[in-house]
Amino acid sequence: MRADDPWGYSVTPFPERRTDERALTPREREVLALVTRGLTNREIAHALGSAPSTVKNQLSSIMAKMQAANRTELASRAHGADGRSQRPT
């Protein structure tokens, strides 16, 4: 047993997850685009013809995929540190 491994086994870290927009579904990209424009879940739902609860679920999925804790961080990650969009060209 090593001092840094008190239980006698090593822990393999989770593989790195993709944190860019390409990991999102087309609908999630639509939701993300509207979030970055500052729309609320209700406004996004109205714009996309879906229920606010659906948008909430999609937003949770987007935040998990992009490893963002909140809408502000999500918008920041979507635009990148320099304020430009991270969309693939």
N, C-alpha and C. Protein backbone atom coordinates (compact mmCIF):
# COMPACT_ATOMS: atom_id res chain seq x y z
N MET A 1 0.84 -1.17 0.00
CA MET A 1 0.00 0.00 0.00
C MET A 1 0.89 1.24 0.00
N ARG A 2 0.59 2.18 -0.91
CA ARG A 2 1.35 3.42 -0.97
C ARG A 2 0.69 4.46 -0.07
N ALA A 3 1.47 5.45 0.34
CA ALA A 3 0.94 6.51 1.19
C ALA A 3 -0.14 7.31 0.47
N ASP A 4 0.01 7.48 -0.84
CA ASP A 4 -0.98 8.27 -1.58
C ASP A 4 -2.15 7.40 -2.06
N ASP A 5 -2.12 6.11 -1.75
CA ASP A 5 -3.17 5.20 -2.17
C ASP A 5 -3.53 4.30 -0.98
N PRO A 6 -4.20 4.86 0.03
CA PRO A 6 -4.41 4.13 1.28
C PRO A 6 -5.30 2.89 1.17
N TRP A 7 -6.08 2.74 0.11
CA TRP A 7 -6.96 1.58 -0.01
C TRP A 7 -6.36 0.47 -0.88
N GLY A 8 -5.18 0.70 -1.40
CA GLY A 8 -4.51 -0.36 -2.13
C GLY A 8 -4.89 -0.48 -3.59
N TYR A 9 -5.54 0.50 -4.15
CA TYR A 9 -5.83 0.47 -5.58
C TYR A 9 -5.67 1.88 -6.15
N SER A 10 -5.37 1.92 -7.40
CA SER A 10 -5.19 3.22 -8.03
C SER A 10 -6.50 3.67 -8.67
N VAL A 11 -6.67 4.94 -8.74
CA VAL A 11 -7.87 5.51 -9.32
C VAL A 11 -7.52 6.07 -10.69
N THR A 12 -8.25 5.61 -11.68
CA THR A 12 -8.05 6.12 -13.03
C THR A 12 -8.99 7.29 -13.23
N PRO A 13 -8.46 8.46 -13.62
CA PRO A 13 -9.35 9.60 -13.82
C PRO A 13 -10.28 9.37 -15.00
N PHE A 14 -11.41 10.06 -14.95
CA PHE A 14 -12.34 9.98 -16.07
C PHE A 14 -11.68 10.56 -17.30
N PRO A 15 -11.99 10.01 -18.47
CA PRO A 15 -11.42 10.59 -19.68
C PRO A 15 -11.92 12.01 -19.88
N GLU A 16 -11.10 12.82 -20.50
CA GLU A 16 -11.46 14.21 -20.77
C GLU A 16 -12.72 14.26 -21.62
N ARG A 17 -13.66 15.10 -21.23
CA ARG A 17 -14.88 15.25 -22.00
C ARG A 17 -14.75 16.43 -22.94
N ARG A 18 -15.43 16.33 -24.08
CA ARG A 18 -15.44 17.43 -25.03
C ARG A 18 -16.25 18.56 -24.42
N THR A 19 -15.72 19.76 -24.50
CA THR A 19 -16.43 20.88 -23.91
C THR A 19 -16.76 21.93 -24.96
N ASP A 20 -16.76 21.56 -26.20
CA ASP A 20 -17.09 22.54 -27.23
C ASP A 20 -18.48 22.27 -27.80
N GLU A 21 -18.93 23.17 -28.61
CA GLU A 21 -20.28 23.09 -29.16
C GLU A 21 -20.48 21.88 -30.07
N ARG A 22 -19.43 21.31 -30.63
CA ARG A 22 -19.60 20.17 -31.52
C ARG A 22 -20.12 18.94 -30.80
N ALA A 23 -20.01 18.91 -29.46
CA ALA A 23 -20.52 17.79 -28.67
C ALA A 23 -22.03 17.90 -28.46
N LEU A 24 -22.63 19.00 -28.89
CA LEU A 24 -24.05 19.24 -28.67
C LEU A 24 -24.89 18.76 -29.85
N THR A 25 -26.14 18.41 -29.55
CA THR A 25 -27.09 18.08 -30.62
C THR A 25 -27.49 19.36 -31.33
N PRO A 26 -28.05 19.25 -32.52
CA PRO A 26 -28.50 20.47 -33.22
C PRO A 26 -29.49 21.30 -32.38
N ARG A 27 -30.42 20.64 -31.68
CA ARG A 27 -31.38 21.37 -30.85
C ARG A 27 -30.68 22.06 -29.68
N GLU A 28 -29.70 21.38 -29.08
CA GLU A 28 -28.95 21.99 -27.98
C GLU A 28 -28.19 23.21 -28.47
N ARG A 29 -27.68 23.16 -29.70
CA ARG A 29 -27.00 24.33 -30.27
C ARG A 29 -27.97 25.50 -30.43
N GLU A 30 -29.20 25.20 -30.83
CA GLU A 30 -30.22 26.25 -30.94
C GLU A 30 -30.50 26.88 -29.58
N VAL A 31 -30.66 26.05 -28.57
CA VAL A 31 -30.92 26.54 -27.22
C VAL A 31 -29.73 27.38 -26.74
N LEU A 32 -28.52 26.89 -26.95
CA LEU A 32 -27.33 27.62 -26.54
C LEU A 32 -27.25 28.99 -27.21
N ALA A 33 -27.55 29.04 -28.48
CA ALA A 33 -27.52 30.32 -29.20
C ALA A 33 -28.49 31.32 -28.57
N LEU A 34 -29.65 30.85 -28.18
CA LEU A 34 -30.64 31.74 -27.56
C LEU A 34 -30.24 32.13 -26.14
N VAL A 35 -29.59 31.23 -25.42
CA VAL A 35 -29.09 31.55 -24.08
C VAL A 35 -28.04 32.65 -24.17
N THR A 36 -27.16 32.55 -25.16
CA THR A 36 -26.10 33.55 -25.29
C THR A 36 -26.66 34.91 -25.68
N ARG A 37 -27.88 34.93 -26.21
CA ARG A 37 -28.55 36.20 -26.51
C ARG A 37 -29.29 36.76 -25.30
N GLY A 38 -29.29 36.00 -24.20
CA GLY A 38 -29.88 36.48 -22.96
C GLY A 38 -31.33 36.12 -22.75
N LEU A 39 -31.87 35.21 -23.55
CA LEU A 39 -33.28 34.82 -23.41
C LEU A 39 -33.48 33.93 -22.19
N THR A 40 -34.65 34.03 -21.58
CA THR A 40 -35.02 33.16 -20.47
C THR A 40 -35.48 31.81 -21.01
N ASN A 41 -35.64 30.84 -20.12
CA ASN A 41 -36.15 29.53 -20.55
C ASN A 41 -37.52 29.66 -21.20
N ARG A 42 -38.37 30.50 -20.64
CA ARG A 42 -39.71 30.69 -21.19
C ARG A 42 -39.65 31.31 -22.58
N GLU A 43 -38.77 32.29 -22.77
CA GLU A 43 -38.62 32.92 -24.08
C GLU A 43 -38.05 31.94 -25.11
N ILE A 44 -37.10 31.13 -24.67
CA ILE A 44 -36.51 30.12 -25.56
C ILE A 44 -37.58 29.10 -25.95
N ALA A 45 -38.37 28.66 -24.98
CA ALA A 45 -39.43 27.69 -25.26
C ALA A 45 -40.41 28.26 -26.27
N HIS A 46 -40.79 29.51 -26.11
CA HIS A 46 -41.72 30.15 -27.05
C HIS A 46 -41.11 30.22 -28.45
N ALA A 47 -39.83 30.61 -28.52
CA ALA A 47 -39.16 30.75 -29.81
C ALA A 47 -39.03 29.40 -30.53
N LEU A 48 -38.84 28.32 -29.77
CA LEU A 48 -38.62 27.00 -30.37
C LEU A 48 -39.89 26.15 -30.41
N GLY A 49 -40.98 26.65 -29.85
CA GLY A 49 -42.22 25.89 -29.86
C GLY A 49 -42.18 24.68 -28.95
N SER A 50 -41.52 24.81 -27.81
CA SER A 50 -41.46 23.70 -26.86
C SER A 50 -41.85 24.19 -25.47
N ALA A 51 -41.88 23.29 -24.52
CA ALA A 51 -42.26 23.63 -23.15
C ALA A 51 -41.05 24.16 -22.37
N PRO A 52 -41.26 25.08 -21.43
CA PRO A 52 -40.15 25.57 -20.61
C PRO A 52 -39.42 24.45 -19.88
N SER A 53 -40.14 23.42 -19.46
CA SER A 53 -39.48 22.29 -18.77
C SER A 53 -38.54 21.54 -19.72
N THR A 54 -38.89 21.47 -20.99
CA THR A 54 -38.02 20.83 -21.98
C THR A 54 -36.74 21.64 -22.14
N VAL A 55 -36.90 22.95 -22.22
CA VAL A 55 -35.74 23.83 -22.34
C VAL A 55 -34.84 23.70 -21.11
N LYS A 56 -35.46 23.61 -19.94
CA LYS A 56 -34.68 23.44 -18.70
C LYS A 56 -33.85 22.16 -18.76
N ASN A 57 -34.45 21.07 -19.23
CA ASN A 57 -33.73 19.79 -19.35
C ASN A 57 -32.62 19.89 -20.39
N GLN A 58 -32.90 20.53 -21.51
CA GLN A 58 -31.87 20.69 -22.55
C GLN A 58 -30.72 21.54 -22.02
N LEU A 59 -31.06 22.59 -21.28
CA LEU A 59 -30.03 23.47 -20.73
C LEU A 59 -29.15 22.73 -19.72
N SER A 60 -29.77 21.86 -18.92
CA SER A 60 -28.98 21.05 -17.97
C SER A 60 -28.00 20.15 -18.71
N SER A 61 -28.45 19.56 -19.81
CA SER A 61 -27.59 18.70 -20.62
C SER A 61 -26.44 19.51 -21.23
N ILE A 62 -26.76 20.67 -21.74
CA ILE A 62 -25.74 21.54 -22.35
C ILE A 62 -24.70 21.93 -21.30
N MET A 63 -25.16 22.32 -20.13
CA MET A 63 -24.24 22.75 -19.06
C MET A 63 -23.33 21.60 -18.63
N ALA A 64 -23.88 20.40 -18.58
CA ALA A 64 -23.06 19.23 -18.22
C ALA A 64 -22.01 18.96 -19.29
N LYS A 65 -22.42 19.01 -20.55
CA LYS A 65 -21.49 18.73 -21.65
C LYS A 65 -20.39 19.78 -21.75
N MET A 66 -20.74 21.04 -21.47
CA MET A 66 -19.78 22.12 -21.59
C MET A 66 -19.13 22.47 -20.25
N GLN A 67 -19.45 21.68 -19.23
CA GLN A 67 -18.88 21.82 -17.89
C GLN A 67 -19.02 23.25 -17.38
N ALA A 68 -20.23 23.77 -17.46
CA ALA A 68 -20.53 25.11 -16.98
C ALA A 68 -21.45 25.02 -15.77
N ALA A 69 -21.19 25.85 -14.78
CA ALA A 69 -21.96 25.82 -13.54
C ALA A 69 -23.25 26.65 -13.62
N ASN A 70 -23.28 27.63 -14.53
CA ASN A 70 -24.45 28.49 -14.63
C ASN A 70 -24.54 29.08 -16.03
N ARG A 71 -25.60 29.85 -16.28
CA ARG A 71 -25.83 30.42 -17.62
C ARG A 71 -24.72 31.36 -18.04
N THR A 72 -24.23 32.15 -17.10
CA THR A 72 -23.17 33.11 -17.41
C THR A 72 -21.90 32.40 -17.86
N GLU A 73 -21.53 31.37 -17.12
CA GLU A 73 -20.35 30.58 -17.49
C GLU A 73 -20.57 29.87 -18.82
N LEU A 74 -21.78 29.40 -19.04
CA LEU A 74 -22.11 28.73 -20.29
C LEU A 74 -21.95 29.69 -21.47
N ALA A 75 -22.49 30.89 -21.34
CA ALA A 75 -22.37 31.89 -22.41
C ALA A 75 -20.91 32.25 -22.64
N SER A 76 -20.16 32.37 -21.56
CA SER A 76 -18.74 32.68 -21.68
C SER A 76 -17.99 31.59 -22.42
N ARG A 77 -18.28 30.34 -22.09
CA ARG A 77 -17.62 29.22 -22.77
C ARG A 77 -18.04 29.15 -24.24
N ALA A 78 -19.29 29.48 -24.52
CA ALA A 78 -19.77 29.45 -25.90
C ALA A 78 -19.08 30.50 -26.75
N HIS A 79 -18.75 31.63 -26.14
CA HIS A 79 -18.10 32.71 -26.88
C HIS A 79 -16.59 32.67 -26.77
N GLY A 80 -16.05 31.83 -25.90
CA GLY A 80 -14.61 31.75 -25.73
C GLY A 80 -14.10 32.91 -24.90
N ALA A 81 -12.90 32.81 -24.46
CA ALA A 81 -12.31 33.83 -23.59
C ALA A 81 -12.18 35.18 -24.28
N ASP A 82 -12.03 35.18 -25.60
CA ASP A 82 -11.84 36.45 -26.31
C ASP A 82 -13.15 37.04 -26.82
N GLY A 83 -14.29 36.42 -26.48
CA GLY A 83 -15.57 36.95 -26.88
C GLY A 83 -16.05 36.52 -28.25
N ARG A 84 -15.24 35.73 -28.97
CA ARG A 84 -15.66 35.24 -30.28
C ARG A 84 -16.30 33.88 -30.14
N SER A 85 -17.19 33.57 -31.03
CA SER A 85 -17.89 32.30 -31.00
C SER A 85 -16.92 31.15 -31.22
N GLN A 86 -17.19 30.00 -30.56
CA GLN A 86 -16.38 28.80 -30.69
C GLN A 86 -16.91 27.89 -31.79
N ARG A 87 -17.88 28.33 -32.57
CA ARG A 87 -18.48 27.48 -33.58
C ARG A 87 -17.45 27.05 -34.60
N PRO A 88 -17.53 25.77 -35.01
CA PRO A 88 -16.61 25.30 -36.03
C PRO A 88 -16.88 25.97 -37.37
N THR A 89 -15.82 26.19 -38.13
CA THR A 89 -15.98 26.83 -39.44
C THR A 89 -15.95 25.83 -40.55
